[in-house]
Amino acid sequence: MRISLLLGSALALALAVGAGCGGEEGPAEQAGQQMDEAMEGMQEGIDEMADDTGEAMDDMGDTMEDHLDDAGEAMDDAADDLEDTANDLEEEIE
C-alpha cells in the first residue's frame, strides 16, 4: 500500500511539474520577464545619459579652452601695446 501511495504521489508530482513547464508562461514568469525588460531599458537609458553627459563635458571643455586661448591672446596684445606705449614715452623723453 505504501509503495503504491508513494508511486502515485511521485506520478502526481511529475505531472504537476510537467504541466507547469508547458508552453505558456505563468504570471510569475511574465512578471520576471517584464522586470528583465524594464531593467534592460533602464540600463540603456543610463548608458545614453552617461554618453550625453560625457559629450556635453567635452564640449564645455573645448569652449573653456577656446575662451582661455582668446584671453591669452588678448593679454599678449595688451602687453605688446603697453610695450609700444612705453617705448614711445621713452623716445619722447630722450
C-alpha atoms as a PDB file:
ATOM      1  CA  MET A   1       0.000   0.000   0.000  1.00  0.00           C
ATOM      2  CA  ARG A   2       2.780   2.410   0.881  1.00  0.00           C
ATOM      3  CA  ILE A   3       4.605   1.723  -2.376  1.00  0.00           C
ATOM      4  CA  SER A   4       1.523   2.410  -4.481  1.00  0.00           C
ATOM      5  CA  LEU A   5       0.848   5.612  -2.495  1.00  0.00           C
ATOM      6  CA  LEU A   6       4.462   6.676  -2.966  1.00  0.00           C
ATOM      7  CA  LEU A   7       4.352   5.869  -6.702  1.00  0.00           C
ATOM      8  CA  GLY A   8       1.031   7.660  -7.056  1.00  0.00           C
ATOM      9  CA  SER A   9       2.398  10.738  -5.296  1.00  0.00           C
ATOM     10  CA  ALA A  10       5.523  10.706  -7.449  1.00  0.00           C
ATOM     11  CA  LEU A  11       3.400  10.396 -10.593  1.00  0.00           C
ATOM     12  CA  ALA A  12       1.158  13.260  -9.479  1.00  0.00           C
ATOM     13  CA  LEU A  13       4.204  15.417  -8.730  1.00  0.00           C
ATOM     14  CA  ALA A  14       5.743  14.605 -12.111  1.00  0.00           C
ATOM     15  CA  LEU A  15       2.504  15.503 -13.881  1.00  0.00           C
ATOM     16  CA  ALA A  16       2.229  18.765 -11.924  1.00  0.00           C
ATOM     17  CA  VAL A  17       5.800  19.736 -12.736  1.00  0.00           C
ATOM     18  CA  GLY A  18       5.314  18.746 -16.366  1.00  0.00           C
ATOM     19  CA  ALA A  19       2.150  20.806 -16.575  1.00  0.00           C
ATOM     20  CA  GLY A  20       3.965  23.758 -15.021  1.00  0.00           C
ATOM     21  CA  CYS A  21       6.665  23.611 -17.677  1.00  0.00           C
ATOM     22  CA  GLY A  22       4.194  23.916 -20.520  1.00  0.00           C
ATOM     23  CA  GLY A  23       4.479  26.327 -23.411  1.00  0.00           C
ATOM     24  CA  GLU A  24       2.539  29.124 -21.771  1.00  0.00           C
ATOM     25  CA  GLU A  25       4.223  31.339 -19.222  1.00  0.00           C
ATOM     26  CA  GLY A  26       2.606  31.791 -15.874  1.00  0.00           C
ATOM     27  CA  PRO A  27       2.142  35.136 -14.112  1.00  0.00           C
ATOM     28  CA  ALA A  28       5.442  34.820 -12.241  1.00  0.00           C
ATOM     29  CA  GLU A  29       7.372  34.163 -15.453  1.00  0.00           C
ATOM     30  CA  GLN A  30       5.621  37.066 -17.187  1.00  0.00           C
ATOM     31  CA  ALA A  31       6.380  39.383 -14.263  1.00  0.00           C
ATOM     32  CA  GLY A  32      10.013  38.253 -14.274  1.00  0.00           C
ATOM     33  CA  GLN A  33      10.293  38.868 -17.993  1.00  0.00           C
ATOM     34  CA  GLN A  34       8.746  42.329 -17.611  1.00  0.00           C
ATOM     35  CA  MET A  35      11.202  43.134 -14.830  1.00  0.00           C
ATOM     36  CA  ASP A  36      14.109  41.982 -17.011  1.00  0.00           C
ATOM     37  CA  GLU A  37      12.909  44.155 -19.881  1.00  0.00           C
ATOM     38  CA  ALA A  38      12.445  47.132 -17.560  1.00  0.00           C
ATOM     39  CA  MET A  39      15.959  46.699 -16.174  1.00  0.00           C
ATOM     40  CA  GLU A  40      17.409  46.482 -19.690  1.00  0.00           C
ATOM     41  CA  GLY A  41      15.549  49.658 -20.647  1.00  0.00           C
ATOM     42  CA  MET A  42      16.831  51.441 -17.558  1.00  0.00           C
ATOM     43  CA  GLN A  43      20.403  50.365 -18.290  1.00  0.00           C
ATOM     44  CA  GLU A  44      20.127  51.606 -21.866  1.00  0.00           C
ATOM     45  CA  GLY A  45      18.789  54.934 -20.588  1.00  0.00           C
ATOM     46  CA  ILE A  46      21.610  55.234 -18.069  1.00  0.00           C
ATOM     47  CA  ASP A  47      24.205  54.434 -20.740  1.00  0.00           C
ATOM     48  CA  GLU A  48      22.714  57.041 -23.070  1.00  0.00           C
ATOM     49  CA  MET A  49      22.672  59.662 -20.304  1.00  0.00           C
ATOM     50  CA  ALA A  50      26.309  58.902 -19.493  1.00  0.00           C
ATOM     51  CA  ASP A  51      27.275  59.284 -23.148  1.00  0.00           C
ATOM     52  CA  ASP A  52      25.346  62.566 -23.434  1.00  0.00           C
ATOM     53  CA  THR A  53      26.913  63.876 -20.233  1.00  0.00           C
ATOM     54  CA  GLY A  54      30.390  62.952 -21.442  1.00  0.00           C
ATOM     55  CA  GLU A  55      29.818  64.698 -24.755  1.00  0.00           C
ATOM     56  CA  ALA A  56      28.473  67.812 -23.006  1.00  0.00           C
ATOM     57  CA  MET A  57      31.506  67.903 -20.721  1.00  0.00           C
ATOM     58  CA  ASP A  58      33.837  67.550 -23.714  1.00  0.00           C
ATOM     59  CA  ASP A  59      32.050  70.422 -25.446  1.00  0.00           C
ATOM     60  CA  MET A  60      32.267  72.546 -22.316  1.00  0.00           C
ATOM     61  CA  GLY A  61      35.975  71.792 -22.006  1.00  0.00           C
ATOM     62  CA  ASP A  62      36.531  72.785 -25.632  1.00  0.00           C
ATOM     63  CA  THR A  63      34.626  76.035 -25.094  1.00  0.00           C
ATOM     64  CA  MET A  64      36.625  76.849 -21.967  1.00  0.00           C
ATOM     65  CA  GLU A  65      39.860  76.132 -23.818  1.00  0.00           C
ATOM     66  CA  ASP A  66      38.784  78.476 -26.633  1.00  0.00           C
ATOM     67  CA  HIS A  67      37.975  81.248 -24.137  1.00  0.00           C
ATOM     68  CA  LEU A  68      41.288  80.773 -22.359  1.00  0.00           C
ATOM     69  CA  ASP A  69      43.122  80.954 -25.679  1.00  0.00           C
ATOM     70  CA  ASP A  70      41.250  84.172 -26.524  1.00  0.00           C
ATOM     71  CA  ALA A  71      42.072  85.630 -23.112  1.00  0.00           C
ATOM     72  CA  GLY A  72      45.735  84.706 -23.519  1.00  0.00           C
ATOM     73  CA  GLU A  73      45.866  86.371 -26.932  1.00  0.00           C
ATOM     74  CA  ALA A  74      44.172  89.485 -25.529  1.00  0.00           C
ATOM     75  CA  MET A  75      46.747  89.620 -22.730  1.00  0.00           C
ATOM     76  CA  ASP A  76      49.576  89.239 -25.245  1.00  0.00           C
ATOM     77  CA  ASP A  77      48.111  92.063 -27.342  1.00  0.00           C
ATOM     78  CA  ALA A  78      47.734  94.262 -24.251  1.00  0.00           C
ATOM     79  CA  ALA A  79      51.346  93.555 -23.255  1.00  0.00           C
ATOM     80  CA  ASP A  80      52.533  94.442 -26.778  1.00  0.00           C
ATOM     81  CA  ASP A  81      50.502  97.674 -26.689  1.00  0.00           C
ATOM     82  CA  LEU A  82      51.919  98.540 -23.274  1.00  0.00           C
ATOM     83  CA  GLU A  83      55.455  97.899 -24.510  1.00  0.00           C
ATOM     84  CA  ASP A  84      54.838 100.098 -27.572  1.00  0.00           C
ATOM     85  CA  THR A  85      53.472 102.871 -25.373  1.00  0.00           C
ATOM     86  CA  ALA A  86      56.443 102.603 -23.018  1.00  0.00           C
ATOM     87  CA  ASN A  87      58.839 102.768 -25.972  1.00  0.00           C
ATOM     88  CA  ASP A  88      57.003 105.819 -27.374  1.00  0.00           C
ATOM     89  CA  LEU A  89      57.199 107.570 -23.990  1.00  0.00           C
ATOM     90  CA  GLU A  90      60.882 106.712 -23.686  1.00  0.00           C
ATOM     91  CA  GLU A  91      61.556 108.215 -27.127  1.00  0.00           C
ATOM     92  CA  GLU A  92      59.676 111.398 -26.196  1.00  0.00           C
ATOM     93  CA  ILE A  93      61.672 111.781 -23.018  1.00  0.00           C
ATOM     94  CA  GLU A  94      65.016 111.428 -24.780  1.00  0.00           C
END
